Amino acid sequence: MAYRAALAEEIARAGRSVADVHLIAVTKYHSAALAAELVAAGQLDLGENTLQGLRGKLAEPGLEAVRWHFLGRLQRNKATAVARVATCIHSIDRPELVDHLDRVELDRPVDAFVQVSLDGDPTRGGVAVAGLEPLAERVAASRHLRLRGIMAVAPVGADADAAFARVRELAEVVRGVDPAATAISAGMSSDWRAAVRHGATHLRIGTAITGVPETHR
């Protein structure tokens, strides 16, 4: 697929290995049929922003092998349902979520990223920088969550290189809590190249792969 060639070229330009960068194709607002097309082409990591979006695709034939990544702001009353179907949650941003998940029973561990806010915008989620280390410690001690690393979204209008350079610095805080938590979830359709340059290991790319959903045209 064309986007894979562009990704490989950018990774090589950054002096990195393709094996170190995981692509998540974001299928929110798209049909289960499109998700199935991606899977048939070998794209097994897919991302959704809502529980409704996940549920709408879980029963679709051809998607059984998908590794589902939950990317949106996680509400506590939906956290258990998300954790039971998602392979990875990228948006753990407050200890209340961890506390809630520790009180329920899950049949497997769930990979988790601690989301940090770079601009303090509460509508976009993310823990304040000052709370990053305590939250990472809470995730690392969780019954069900497995700390993978840090997640962030570049602020609107910000220089992407500066934003992701800051994320790379903050990733060291999470590594200080757990040396195995080396992953960096950063970069979307408009800024993934900058994310690659600054060490992102998980790219969350939507429209650059899937196009604009029909409902948003």
N, C-alpha and C. Protein backbone atom coordinates (compact mmCIF):
# COMPACT_ATOMS: atom_id res chain seq x y z
N MET A 1 0.85 -1.20 0.00
CA MET A 1 0.00 0.00 0.00
C MET A 1 0.89 1.24 0.00
N ALA A 2 0.42 2.30 -0.65
CA ALA A 2 1.25 3.48 -0.89
C ALA A 2 1.73 4.12 0.41
N TYR A 3 0.86 4.17 1.42
CA TYR A 3 1.25 4.83 2.65
C TYR A 3 2.39 4.12 3.35
N ARG A 4 2.50 2.81 3.16
CA ARG A 4 3.60 2.07 3.78
C ARG A 4 4.94 2.47 3.16
N ALA A 5 4.96 2.74 1.87
CA ALA A 5 6.19 3.16 1.22
C ALA A 5 6.63 4.52 1.75
N ALA A 6 5.68 5.44 1.90
CA ALA A 6 6.00 6.76 2.43
C ALA A 6 6.50 6.66 3.87
N LEU A 7 5.89 5.80 4.64
CA LEU A 7 6.31 5.61 6.03
C LEU A 7 7.73 5.04 6.09
N ALA A 8 7.99 4.02 5.29
CA ALA A 8 9.32 3.41 5.29
C ALA A 8 10.38 4.42 4.88
N GLU A 9 10.05 5.28 3.92
CA GLU A 9 11.01 6.29 3.47
C GLU A 9 11.33 7.28 4.59
N GLU A 10 10.32 7.72 5.30
CA GLU A 10 10.53 8.69 6.38
C GLU A 10 11.30 8.07 7.54
N ILE A 11 11.00 6.82 7.84
CA ILE A 11 11.70 6.12 8.92
C ILE A 11 13.18 5.98 8.58
N ALA A 12 13.48 5.62 7.33
CA ALA A 12 14.87 5.49 6.90
C ALA A 12 15.58 6.84 6.96
N ARG A 13 14.88 7.89 6.58
CA ARG A 13 15.48 9.23 6.61
C ARG A 13 15.84 9.63 8.04
N ALA A 14 15.07 9.15 9.00
CA ALA A 14 15.33 9.46 10.41
C ALA A 14 16.37 8.54 11.02
N GLY A 15 16.90 7.60 10.21
CA GLY A 15 17.91 6.67 10.70
C GLY A 15 17.36 5.62 11.64
N ARG A 16 16.10 5.28 11.44
CA ARG A 16 15.45 4.31 12.31
C ARG A 16 15.04 3.07 11.52
N SER A 17 14.64 2.04 12.24
CA SER A 17 14.22 0.79 11.62
C SER A 17 12.70 0.72 11.52
N VAL A 18 12.19 0.21 10.41
CA VAL A 18 10.75 0.03 10.24
C VAL A 18 10.18 -0.84 11.34
N ALA A 19 10.94 -1.78 11.82
CA ALA A 19 10.46 -2.69 12.85
C ALA A 19 10.17 -1.98 14.17
N ASP A 20 10.72 -0.79 14.34
CA ASP A 20 10.56 -0.05 15.60
C ASP A 20 9.35 0.88 15.59
N VAL A 21 8.66 0.99 14.46
CA VAL A 21 7.54 1.93 14.35
C VAL A 21 6.28 1.16 13.97
N HIS A 22 5.26 1.26 14.81
CA HIS A 22 4.01 0.53 14.62
C HIS A 22 2.93 1.48 14.12
N LEU A 23 2.31 1.11 13.05
CA LEU A 23 1.28 1.94 12.44
C LEU A 23 -0.10 1.48 12.90
N ILE A 24 -0.88 2.43 13.41
CA ILE A 24 -2.27 2.19 13.78
C ILE A 24 -3.15 2.95 12.79
N ALA A 25 -3.94 2.24 12.01
CA ALA A 25 -4.86 2.87 11.07
C ALA A 25 -6.15 3.21 11.81
N VAL A 26 -6.48 4.49 11.87
CA VAL A 26 -7.65 4.94 12.63
C VAL A 26 -8.89 4.85 11.75
N THR A 27 -9.84 4.02 12.17
CA THR A 27 -11.03 3.76 11.36
C THR A 27 -12.29 4.42 11.90
N LYS A 28 -12.15 5.37 12.82
CA LYS A 28 -13.33 6.01 13.40
C LYS A 28 -14.17 6.68 12.29
N TYR A 29 -15.47 6.56 12.42
CA TYR A 29 -16.47 7.08 11.48
C TYR A 29 -16.49 6.33 10.15
N HIS A 30 -15.64 5.33 9.99
CA HIS A 30 -15.64 4.54 8.77
C HIS A 30 -16.38 3.23 9.00
N SER A 31 -16.74 2.59 7.91
CA SER A 31 -17.51 1.35 7.98
C SER A 31 -16.63 0.17 8.39
N ALA A 32 -17.29 -0.86 8.88
CA ALA A 32 -16.59 -2.10 9.19
C ALA A 32 -16.04 -2.72 7.92
N ALA A 33 -16.70 -2.48 6.80
CA ALA A 33 -16.22 -3.03 5.52
C ALA A 33 -14.86 -2.45 5.15
N LEU A 34 -14.68 -1.14 5.40
CA LEU A 34 -13.37 -0.54 5.10
C LEU A 34 -12.31 -1.12 6.04
N ALA A 35 -12.66 -1.31 7.31
CA ALA A 35 -11.72 -1.92 8.25
C ALA A 35 -11.32 -3.31 7.77
N ALA A 36 -12.28 -4.06 7.24
CA ALA A 36 -12.00 -5.40 6.73
C ALA A 36 -11.06 -5.35 5.53
N GLU A 37 -11.19 -4.32 4.69
CA GLU A 37 -10.29 -4.16 3.55
C GLU A 37 -8.86 -3.93 4.03
N LEU A 38 -8.70 -3.13 5.06
CA LEU A 38 -7.37 -2.87 5.61
C LEU A 38 -6.76 -4.15 6.16
N VAL A 39 -7.56 -4.92 6.87
CA VAL A 39 -7.07 -6.17 7.44
C VAL A 39 -6.66 -7.13 6.32
N ALA A 40 -7.45 -7.21 5.28
CA ALA A 40 -7.13 -8.09 4.16
C ALA A 40 -5.82 -7.70 3.50
N ALA A 41 -5.47 -6.41 3.60
CA ALA A 41 -4.21 -5.92 3.03
C ALA A 41 -3.05 -6.04 4.02
N GLY A 42 -3.32 -6.61 5.21
CA GLY A 42 -2.25 -6.85 6.16
C GLY A 42 -2.15 -5.86 7.30
N GLN A 43 -3.08 -4.90 7.40
CA GLN A 43 -3.06 -3.90 8.47
C GLN A 43 -3.90 -4.41 9.63
N LEU A 44 -3.24 -4.93 10.68
CA LEU A 44 -3.95 -5.57 11.78
C LEU A 44 -4.12 -4.69 13.01
N ASP A 45 -3.43 -3.54 13.06
CA ASP A 45 -3.59 -2.62 14.18
C ASP A 45 -4.54 -1.50 13.74
N LEU A 46 -5.72 -1.47 14.34
CA LEU A 46 -6.73 -0.47 14.01
C LEU A 46 -7.10 0.32 15.26
N GLY A 47 -7.48 1.57 15.06
CA GLY A 47 -7.80 2.43 16.19
C GLY A 47 -9.20 2.99 16.12
N GLU A 48 -9.84 3.08 17.28
CA GLU A 48 -11.16 3.69 17.41
C GLU A 48 -11.15 4.66 18.58
N ASN A 49 -12.03 5.68 18.51
CA ASN A 49 -12.08 6.71 19.54
C ASN A 49 -13.24 6.56 20.51
N THR A 50 -14.19 5.68 20.19
CA THR A 50 -15.36 5.52 21.05
C THR A 50 -15.69 4.04 21.24
N LEU A 51 -16.37 3.77 22.34
CA LEU A 51 -16.84 2.41 22.59
C LEU A 51 -17.85 2.00 21.52
N GLN A 52 -18.70 2.92 21.12
CA GLN A 52 -19.67 2.63 20.07
C GLN A 52 -18.97 2.22 18.77
N GLY A 53 -17.89 2.92 18.43
CA GLY A 53 -17.15 2.58 17.23
C GLY A 53 -16.53 1.20 17.31
N LEU A 54 -16.03 0.85 18.48
CA LEU A 54 -15.46 -0.49 18.67
C LEU A 54 -16.55 -1.56 18.51
N ARG A 55 -17.65 -1.37 19.21
CA ARG A 55 -18.71 -2.36 19.18
C ARG A 55 -19.29 -2.54 17.77
N GLY A 56 -19.28 -1.47 17.00
CA GLY A 56 -19.82 -1.54 15.67
C GLY A 56 -19.00 -2.39 14.71
N LYS A 57 -17.77 -2.69 15.11
CA LYS A 57 -16.89 -3.45 14.22
C LYS A 57 -16.51 -4.83 14.78
N LEU A 58 -16.75 -5.05 16.05
CA LEU A 58 -16.28 -6.29 16.67
C LEU A 58 -16.89 -7.54 16.07
N ALA A 59 -18.13 -7.45 15.63
CA ALA A 59 -18.81 -8.64 15.10
C ALA A 59 -18.64 -8.81 13.60
N GLU A 60 -17.91 -7.90 12.98
CA GLU A 60 -17.75 -7.95 11.52
C GLU A 60 -16.85 -9.13 11.11
N PRO A 61 -17.30 -9.97 10.19
CA PRO A 61 -16.44 -11.06 9.71
C PRO A 61 -15.15 -10.49 9.08
N GLY A 62 -14.05 -11.16 9.35
CA GLY A 62 -12.77 -10.72 8.80
C GLY A 62 -11.96 -9.85 9.71
N LEU A 63 -12.53 -9.47 10.86
CA LEU A 63 -11.82 -8.59 11.79
C LEU A 63 -11.38 -9.30 13.07
N GLU A 64 -11.46 -10.62 13.07
CA GLU A 64 -11.16 -11.37 14.30
C GLU A 64 -9.72 -11.21 14.76
N ALA A 65 -8.80 -10.98 13.83
CA ALA A 65 -7.38 -10.90 14.18
C ALA A 65 -6.91 -9.49 14.52
N VAL A 66 -7.82 -8.53 14.50
CA VAL A 66 -7.44 -7.13 14.72
C VAL A 66 -6.96 -6.91 16.14
N ARG A 67 -5.91 -6.11 16.26
CA ARG A 67 -5.47 -5.58 17.55
C ARG A 67 -6.09 -4.18 17.67
N TRP A 68 -7.10 -4.05 18.53
CA TRP A 68 -7.84 -2.80 18.64
C TRP A 68 -7.17 -1.84 19.63
N HIS A 69 -6.94 -0.63 19.18
CA HIS A 69 -6.35 0.43 20.00
C HIS A 69 -7.42 1.47 20.30
N PHE A 70 -7.67 1.72 21.59
CA PHE A 70 -8.63 2.76 21.96
C PHE A 70 -7.87 4.06 22.12
N LEU A 71 -8.29 5.10 21.37
CA LEU A 71 -7.52 6.34 21.28
C LEU A 71 -8.21 7.55 21.88
N GLY A 72 -9.51 7.48 22.10
CA GLY A 72 -10.26 8.66 22.53
C GLY A 72 -10.25 8.87 24.04
N ARG A 73 -10.84 9.98 24.44
CA ARG A 73 -10.98 10.27 25.87
C ARG A 73 -11.84 9.18 26.51
N LEU A 74 -11.33 8.56 27.54
CA LEU A 74 -12.00 7.42 28.16
C LEU A 74 -12.85 7.86 29.34
N GLN A 75 -14.15 7.59 29.26
CA GLN A 75 -15.06 7.88 30.35
C GLN A 75 -15.06 6.72 31.33
N ARG A 76 -15.13 7.04 32.61
CA ARG A 76 -15.03 5.98 33.62
C ARG A 76 -16.15 4.96 33.48
N ASN A 77 -17.37 5.42 33.14
CA ASN A 77 -18.48 4.48 33.06
C ASN A 77 -18.41 3.57 31.83
N LYS A 78 -17.47 3.82 30.95
CA LYS A 78 -17.28 2.96 29.78
C LYS A 78 -15.93 2.25 29.81
N ALA A 79 -15.13 2.54 30.83
CA ALA A 79 -13.76 2.02 30.87
C ALA A 79 -13.72 0.50 30.91
N THR A 80 -14.60 -0.12 31.69
CA THR A 80 -14.58 -1.58 31.79
C THR A 80 -14.91 -2.22 30.46
N ALA A 81 -15.93 -1.72 29.78
CA ALA A 81 -16.32 -2.28 28.49
C ALA A 81 -15.21 -2.12 27.46
N VAL A 82 -14.54 -0.98 27.48
CA VAL A 82 -13.42 -0.75 26.55
C VAL A 82 -12.29 -1.73 26.86
N ALA A 83 -11.94 -1.85 28.13
CA ALA A 83 -10.82 -2.72 28.51
C ALA A 83 -11.07 -4.18 28.16
N ARG A 84 -12.32 -4.57 28.10
CA ARG A 84 -12.64 -5.97 27.80
C ARG A 84 -12.50 -6.31 26.32
N VAL A 85 -12.45 -5.29 25.46
CA VAL A 85 -12.35 -5.58 24.03
C VAL A 85 -11.11 -4.98 23.37
N ALA A 86 -10.50 -3.98 23.98
CA ALA A 86 -9.33 -3.33 23.37
C ALA A 86 -8.05 -4.06 23.75
N THR A 87 -7.12 -4.12 22.82
CA THR A 87 -5.80 -4.66 23.10
C THR A 87 -4.96 -3.65 23.86
N CYS A 88 -5.19 -2.37 23.53
CA CYS A 88 -4.38 -1.30 24.11
C CYS A 88 -5.22 -0.05 24.27
N ILE A 89 -5.03 0.64 25.39
CA ILE A 89 -5.68 1.92 25.64
C ILE A 89 -4.60 3.00 25.65
N HIS A 90 -4.75 4.00 24.80
CA HIS A 90 -3.72 5.03 24.66
C HIS A 90 -4.04 6.28 25.48
N SER A 91 -5.13 6.29 26.22
CA SER A 91 -5.61 7.54 26.81
C SER A 91 -5.87 7.46 28.31
N ILE A 92 -5.02 6.78 29.04
CA ILE A 92 -5.13 6.79 30.50
C ILE A 92 -4.59 8.13 30.99
N ASP A 93 -5.47 8.97 31.55
CA ASP A 93 -5.03 10.32 31.90
C ASP A 93 -5.39 10.75 33.32
N ARG A 94 -5.91 9.80 34.13
CA ARG A 94 -6.21 10.15 35.52
C ARG A 94 -6.27 8.87 36.34
N PRO A 95 -5.87 8.96 37.60
CA PRO A 95 -5.80 7.77 38.44
C PRO A 95 -7.16 7.13 38.68
N GLU A 96 -8.25 7.91 38.59
CA GLU A 96 -9.59 7.35 38.82
C GLU A 96 -9.90 6.23 37.83
N LEU A 97 -9.39 6.34 36.60
CA LEU A 97 -9.60 5.29 35.62
C LEU A 97 -8.91 4.00 36.04
N VAL A 98 -7.69 4.13 36.52
CA VAL A 98 -6.93 2.96 36.95
C VAL A 98 -7.59 2.32 38.17
N ASP A 99 -8.00 3.16 39.11
CA ASP A 99 -8.68 2.65 40.30
C ASP A 99 -9.93 1.87 39.91
N HIS A 100 -10.70 2.43 38.98
CA HIS A 100 -11.93 1.78 38.54
C HIS A 100 -11.63 0.42 37.91
N LEU A 101 -10.66 0.37 37.02
CA LEU A 101 -10.34 -0.90 36.34
C LEU A 101 -9.76 -1.93 37.30
N ASP A 102 -9.11 -1.48 38.34
CA ASP A 102 -8.58 -2.43 39.32
C ASP A 102 -9.67 -3.08 40.17
N ARG A 103 -10.88 -2.51 40.14
CA ARG A 103 -11.97 -3.06 40.93
C ARG A 103 -12.83 -4.06 40.15
N VAL A 104 -12.55 -4.23 38.87
CA VAL A 104 -13.33 -5.16 38.06
C VAL A 104 -12.46 -6.35 37.69
N GLU A 105 -13.08 -7.35 37.10
CA GLU A 105 -12.34 -8.52 36.68
C GLU A 105 -12.17 -8.51 35.16
N LEU A 106 -10.93 -8.66 34.71
CA LEU A 106 -10.63 -8.77 33.29
C LEU A 106 -9.92 -10.10 33.07
N ASP A 107 -10.12 -10.68 31.89
CA ASP A 107 -9.54 -12.00 31.66
C ASP A 107 -8.14 -11.95 31.05
N ARG A 108 -7.59 -10.73 30.90
CA ARG A 108 -6.24 -10.59 30.32
C ARG A 108 -5.73 -9.20 30.65
N PRO A 109 -4.42 -9.03 30.64
CA PRO A 109 -3.87 -7.68 30.84
C PRO A 109 -4.10 -6.81 29.61
N VAL A 110 -4.17 -5.51 29.82
CA VAL A 110 -4.39 -4.55 28.74
C VAL A 110 -3.22 -3.59 28.69
N ASP A 111 -2.62 -3.45 27.52
CA ASP A 111 -1.53 -2.48 27.36
C ASP A 111 -2.08 -1.07 27.54
N ALA A 112 -1.28 -0.19 28.13
CA ALA A 112 -1.77 1.16 28.42
C ALA A 112 -0.67 2.20 28.24
N PHE A 113 -1.06 3.31 27.65
CA PHE A 113 -0.21 4.49 27.55
C PHE A 113 -0.76 5.56 28.49
N VAL A 114 0.13 6.28 29.14
CA VAL A 114 -0.27 7.44 29.94
C VAL A 114 -0.29 8.65 29.01
N GLN A 115 -1.45 9.29 28.90
CA GLN A 115 -1.57 10.45 28.03
C GLN A 115 -1.22 11.71 28.79
N VAL A 116 -0.30 12.50 28.25
CA VAL A 116 0.11 13.75 28.87
C VAL A 116 -0.40 14.92 28.03
N SER A 117 -0.83 15.96 28.68
CA SER A 117 -1.30 17.16 27.99
C SER A 117 -0.13 18.12 27.79
N LEU A 118 0.04 18.57 26.56
CA LEU A 118 1.11 19.53 26.27
C LEU A 118 0.63 20.97 26.34
N ASP A 119 -0.69 21.17 26.38
CA ASP A 119 -1.22 22.54 26.36
C ASP A 119 -2.25 22.83 27.44
N GLY A 120 -2.60 21.82 28.24
CA GLY A 120 -3.56 22.05 29.32
C GLY A 120 -5.00 22.14 28.87
N ASP A 121 -5.29 21.81 27.61
CA ASP A 121 -6.65 21.87 27.10
C ASP A 121 -7.45 20.67 27.63
N PRO A 122 -8.42 20.90 28.53
CA PRO A 122 -9.14 19.78 29.15
C PRO A 122 -10.00 19.00 28.16
N THR A 123 -10.39 19.60 27.05
CA THR A 123 -11.24 18.90 26.09
C THR A 123 -10.49 17.84 25.30
N ARG A 124 -9.15 17.91 25.32
CA ARG A 124 -8.37 16.94 24.54
C ARG A 124 -7.78 15.84 25.42
N GLY A 125 -7.99 15.94 26.72
CA GLY A 125 -7.50 14.90 27.62
C GLY A 125 -6.02 15.05 27.90
N GLY A 126 -5.55 14.22 28.82
CA GLY A 126 -4.14 14.23 29.17
C GLY A 126 -3.89 14.75 30.57
N VAL A 127 -2.99 14.08 31.27
CA VAL A 127 -2.60 14.52 32.60
C VAL A 127 -1.61 15.68 32.48
N ALA A 128 -1.65 16.59 33.45
CA ALA A 128 -0.67 17.67 33.47
C ALA A 128 0.73 17.09 33.65
N VAL A 129 1.71 17.81 33.14
CA VAL A 129 3.09 17.32 33.23
C VAL A 129 3.47 16.99 34.67
N ALA A 130 3.03 17.82 35.61
CA ALA A 130 3.37 17.59 37.02
C ALA A 130 2.79 16.28 37.55
N GLY A 131 1.70 15.81 36.94
CA GLY A 131 1.08 14.57 37.40
C GLY A 131 1.49 13.35 36.62
N LEU A 132 2.38 13.51 35.65
CA LEU A 132 2.76 12.40 34.79
C LEU A 132 3.41 11.25 35.56
N GLU A 133 4.40 11.55 36.37
CA GLU A 133 5.11 10.49 37.08
C GLU A 133 4.20 9.74 38.05
N PRO A 134 3.40 10.45 38.91
CA PRO A 134 2.51 9.70 39.81
C PRO A 134 1.51 8.82 39.05
N LEU A 135 1.01 9.31 37.91
CA LEU A 135 0.06 8.50 37.15
C LEU A 135 0.75 7.28 36.54
N ALA A 136 1.95 7.46 36.03
CA ALA A 136 2.70 6.32 35.49
C ALA A 136 2.95 5.29 36.58
N GLU A 137 3.25 5.74 37.78
CA GLU A 137 3.46 4.82 38.90
C GLU A 137 2.19 4.06 39.22
N ARG A 138 1.06 4.75 39.14
CA ARG A 138 -0.22 4.09 39.43
C ARG A 138 -0.53 3.03 38.38
N VAL A 139 -0.28 3.33 37.11
CA VAL A 139 -0.51 2.34 36.05
C VAL A 139 0.43 1.16 36.22
N ALA A 140 1.69 1.43 36.54
CA ALA A 140 2.67 0.36 36.70
C ALA A 140 2.28 -0.60 37.83
N ALA A 141 1.55 -0.09 38.81
CA ALA A 141 1.13 -0.92 39.95
C ALA A 141 -0.24 -1.55 39.75
N SER A 142 -0.86 -1.30 38.61
CA SER A 142 -2.22 -1.76 38.37
C SER A 142 -2.31 -3.28 38.26
N ARG A 143 -3.47 -3.82 38.63
CA ARG A 143 -3.74 -5.25 38.49
C ARG A 143 -3.83 -5.66 37.02
N HIS A 144 -4.44 -4.81 36.22
CA HIS A 144 -4.81 -5.21 34.87
C HIS A 144 -4.08 -4.47 33.75
N LEU A 145 -3.54 -3.30 34.05
CA LEU A 145 -2.91 -2.51 33.00
C LEU A 145 -1.41 -2.77 32.95
N ARG A 146 -0.87 -2.79 31.75
CA ARG A 146 0.56 -2.99 31.52
C ARG A 146 1.11 -1.71 30.91
N LEU A 147 1.92 -1.00 31.66
CA LEU A 147 2.44 0.30 31.22
C LEU A 147 3.36 0.13 30.01
N ARG A 148 2.99 0.77 28.91
CA ARG A 148 3.79 0.70 27.69
C ARG A 148 4.63 1.94 27.46
N GLY A 149 4.10 3.11 27.85
CA GLY A 149 4.84 4.34 27.60
C GLY A 149 3.95 5.56 27.67
N ILE A 150 4.27 6.56 26.86
CA ILE A 150 3.61 7.85 26.90
C ILE A 150 2.86 8.11 25.60
N MET A 151 1.75 8.83 25.71
CA MET A 151 0.98 9.27 24.54
C MET A 151 0.75 10.76 24.62
N ALA A 152 0.74 11.43 23.47
CA ALA A 152 0.45 12.86 23.44
C ALA A 152 -0.08 13.26 22.08
N VAL A 153 -0.81 14.37 22.08
CA VAL A 153 -1.31 14.99 20.86
C VAL A 153 -0.69 16.37 20.75
N ALA A 154 -0.15 16.71 19.61
CA ALA A 154 0.45 18.04 19.43
C ALA A 154 -0.63 19.10 19.55
N PRO A 155 -0.39 20.18 20.27
CA PRO A 155 -1.40 21.25 20.39
C PRO A 155 -1.75 21.84 19.02
N VAL A 156 -2.98 22.27 18.89
CA VAL A 156 -3.43 22.88 17.64
C VAL A 156 -2.60 24.11 17.33
N GLY A 157 -2.06 24.16 16.12
CA GLY A 157 -1.28 25.32 15.69
C GLY A 157 0.16 25.33 16.17
N ALA A 158 0.55 24.35 16.95
CA ALA A 158 1.92 24.33 17.49
C ALA A 158 2.89 23.77 16.47
N ASP A 159 4.16 24.07 16.67
CA ASP A 159 5.21 23.47 15.85
C ASP A 159 5.32 22.00 16.25
N ALA A 160 5.09 21.11 15.30
CA ALA A 160 5.05 19.69 15.62
C ALA A 160 6.40 19.18 16.10
N ASP A 161 7.48 19.65 15.51
CA ASP A 161 8.80 19.20 15.94
C ASP A 161 9.07 19.58 17.39
N ALA A 162 8.71 20.81 17.76
CA ALA A 162 8.91 21.24 19.14
C ALA A 162 8.03 20.43 20.10
N ALA A 163 6.79 20.16 19.68
CA ALA A 163 5.87 19.41 20.53
C ALA A 163 6.39 18.00 20.78
N PHE A 164 6.83 17.33 19.72
CA PHE A 164 7.25 15.94 19.88
C PHE A 164 8.65 15.83 20.49
N ALA A 165 9.45 16.87 20.36
CA ALA A 165 10.72 16.88 21.10
C ALA A 165 10.44 16.90 22.60
N ARG A 166 9.41 17.66 22.98
CA ARG A 166 9.01 17.71 24.39
C ARG A 166 8.47 16.35 24.85
N VAL A 167 7.70 15.69 24.00
CA VAL A 167 7.19 14.36 24.34
C VAL A 167 8.34 13.39 24.56
N ARG A 168 9.34 13.49 23.72
CA ARG A 168 10.49 12.60 23.86
C ARG A 168 11.18 12.82 25.21
N GLU A 169 11.26 14.07 25.64
CA GLU A 169 11.84 14.35 26.96
C GLU A 169 10.98 13.75 28.07
N LEU A 170 9.66 13.94 27.95
CA LEU A 170 8.75 13.45 28.98
C LEU A 170 8.70 11.93 29.01
N ALA A 171 9.00 11.30 27.90
CA ALA A 171 9.04 9.83 27.87
C ALA A 171 10.06 9.28 28.86
N GLU A 172 11.09 10.06 29.14
CA GLU A 172 12.10 9.61 30.10
C GLU A 172 11.52 9.53 31.51
N VAL A 173 10.51 10.36 31.80
CA VAL A 173 9.86 10.30 33.11
C VAL A 173 9.17 8.95 33.27
N VAL A 174 8.48 8.51 32.22
CA VAL A 174 7.78 7.22 32.28
C VAL A 174 8.78 6.07 32.34
N ARG A 175 9.86 6.18 31.58
CA ARG A 175 10.90 5.14 31.64
C ARG A 175 11.52 5.06 33.03
N GLY A 176 11.57 6.19 33.70
CA GLY A 176 12.11 6.18 35.06
C GLY A 176 11.25 5.38 36.02
N VAL A 177 9.96 5.29 35.73
CA VAL A 177 9.04 4.50 36.54
C VAL A 177 9.18 3.02 36.20
N ASP A 178 9.26 2.71 34.89
CA ASP A 178 9.41 1.34 34.43
C ASP A 178 10.31 1.35 33.20
N PRO A 179 11.53 0.86 33.31
CA PRO A 179 12.46 0.88 32.18
C PRO A 179 11.94 0.18 30.93
N ALA A 180 10.96 -0.70 31.10
CA ALA A 180 10.40 -1.40 29.94
C ALA A 180 9.35 -0.57 29.20
N ALA A 181 8.91 0.53 29.80
CA ALA A 181 7.87 1.38 29.19
C ALA A 181 8.52 2.37 28.23
N THR A 182 8.95 1.86 27.10
CA THR A 182 9.75 2.65 26.17
C THR A 182 8.96 3.21 24.99
N ALA A 183 7.68 2.91 24.90
CA ALA A 183 6.90 3.28 23.72
C ALA A 183 6.45 4.74 23.78
N ILE A 184 6.33 5.35 22.60
CA ILE A 184 5.84 6.71 22.44
C ILE A 184 4.74 6.71 21.39
N SER A 185 3.51 6.98 21.81
CA SER A 185 2.37 7.06 20.91
C SER A 185 2.17 8.52 20.53
N ALA A 186 2.54 8.86 19.32
CA ALA A 186 2.48 10.26 18.88
C ALA A 186 2.44 10.31 17.36
N GLY A 187 1.80 11.34 16.84
CA GLY A 187 1.77 11.52 15.39
C GLY A 187 0.47 11.07 14.77
N MET A 188 -0.14 11.99 14.01
CA MET A 188 -1.37 11.69 13.28
C MET A 188 -1.17 12.07 11.82
N SER A 189 -2.25 12.13 11.06
CA SER A 189 -2.12 12.32 9.61
C SER A 189 -1.34 13.58 9.24
N SER A 190 -1.52 14.65 10.00
CA SER A 190 -0.90 15.93 9.64
C SER A 190 0.51 16.11 10.16
N ASP A 191 0.93 15.27 11.13
CA ASP A 191 2.23 15.54 11.75
C ASP A 191 3.06 14.29 12.02
N TRP A 192 2.72 13.17 11.39
CA TRP A 192 3.40 11.92 11.71
C TRP A 192 4.88 11.94 11.35
N ARG A 193 5.26 12.69 10.32
CA ARG A 193 6.68 12.75 9.95
C ARG A 193 7.51 13.35 11.08
N ALA A 194 7.01 14.41 11.70
CA ALA A 194 7.72 15.00 12.84
C ALA A 194 7.79 14.02 13.99
N ALA A 195 6.71 13.26 14.20
CA ALA A 195 6.70 12.28 15.28
C ALA A 195 7.76 11.21 15.05
N VAL A 196 7.90 10.76 13.82
CA VAL A 196 8.94 9.77 13.50
C VAL A 196 10.32 10.34 13.80
N ARG A 197 10.54 11.58 13.45
CA ARG A 197 11.85 12.20 13.69
C ARG A 197 12.19 12.24 15.18
N HIS A 198 11.17 12.28 16.03
CA HIS A 198 11.41 12.44 17.46
C HIS A 198 11.09 11.17 18.25
N GLY A 199 11.17 10.03 17.58
CA GLY A 199 11.17 8.77 18.31
C GLY A 199 9.84 8.08 18.52
N ALA A 200 8.78 8.53 17.87
CA ALA A 200 7.49 7.86 18.04
C ALA A 200 7.60 6.39 17.65
N THR A 201 7.00 5.55 18.45
CA THR A 201 6.97 4.11 18.15
C THR A 201 5.60 3.65 17.68
N HIS A 202 4.57 4.46 17.95
CA HIS A 202 3.20 4.13 17.55
C HIS A 202 2.58 5.37 16.90
N LEU A 203 2.25 5.27 15.63
CA LEU A 203 1.63 6.36 14.89
C LEU A 203 0.14 6.10 14.75
N ARG A 204 -0.69 7.12 14.99
CA ARG A 204 -2.14 6.98 14.93
C ARG A 204 -2.64 7.75 13.70
N ILE A 205 -2.73 7.08 12.57
CA ILE A 205 -3.00 7.78 11.31
C ILE A 205 -4.37 7.40 10.76
N GLY A 206 -5.18 8.42 10.50
CA GLY A 206 -6.52 8.21 9.99
C GLY A 206 -6.67 8.59 8.54
N THR A 207 -7.04 9.85 8.28
CA THR A 207 -7.44 10.25 6.92
C THR A 207 -6.34 10.06 5.88
N ALA A 208 -5.09 10.11 6.27
CA ALA A 208 -4.01 9.90 5.31
C ALA A 208 -4.04 8.49 4.74
N ILE A 209 -4.69 7.57 5.45
CA ILE A 209 -4.82 6.18 5.00
C ILE A 209 -6.24 5.91 4.51
N THR A 210 -7.22 6.32 5.31
CA THR A 210 -8.61 5.93 5.06
C THR A 210 -9.41 6.94 4.26
N GLY A 211 -8.89 8.17 4.13
CA GLY A 211 -9.66 9.22 3.50
C GLY A 211 -10.66 9.82 4.47
N VAL A 212 -11.37 10.84 4.03
CA VAL A 212 -12.37 11.51 4.87
C VAL A 212 -13.64 10.67 4.87
N PRO A 213 -14.19 10.36 6.06
CA PRO A 213 -15.43 9.58 6.11
C PRO A 213 -16.56 10.27 5.35
N GLU A 214 -17.44 9.49 4.78
CA GLU A 214 -18.54 10.05 4.00
C GLU A 214 -19.40 10.99 4.85
N THR A 215 -19.55 10.67 6.12
CA THR A 215 -20.39 11.51 6.99
C THR A 215 -19.75 12.85 7.29
N HIS A 216 -18.47 13.04 6.95
CA HIS A 216 -17.77 14.30 7.23
C HIS A 216 -17.44 15.07 5.96
N ARG A 217 -17.93 14.63 4.83
CA ARG A 217 -17.64 15.33 3.56
C ARG A 217 -18.62 16.44 3.33
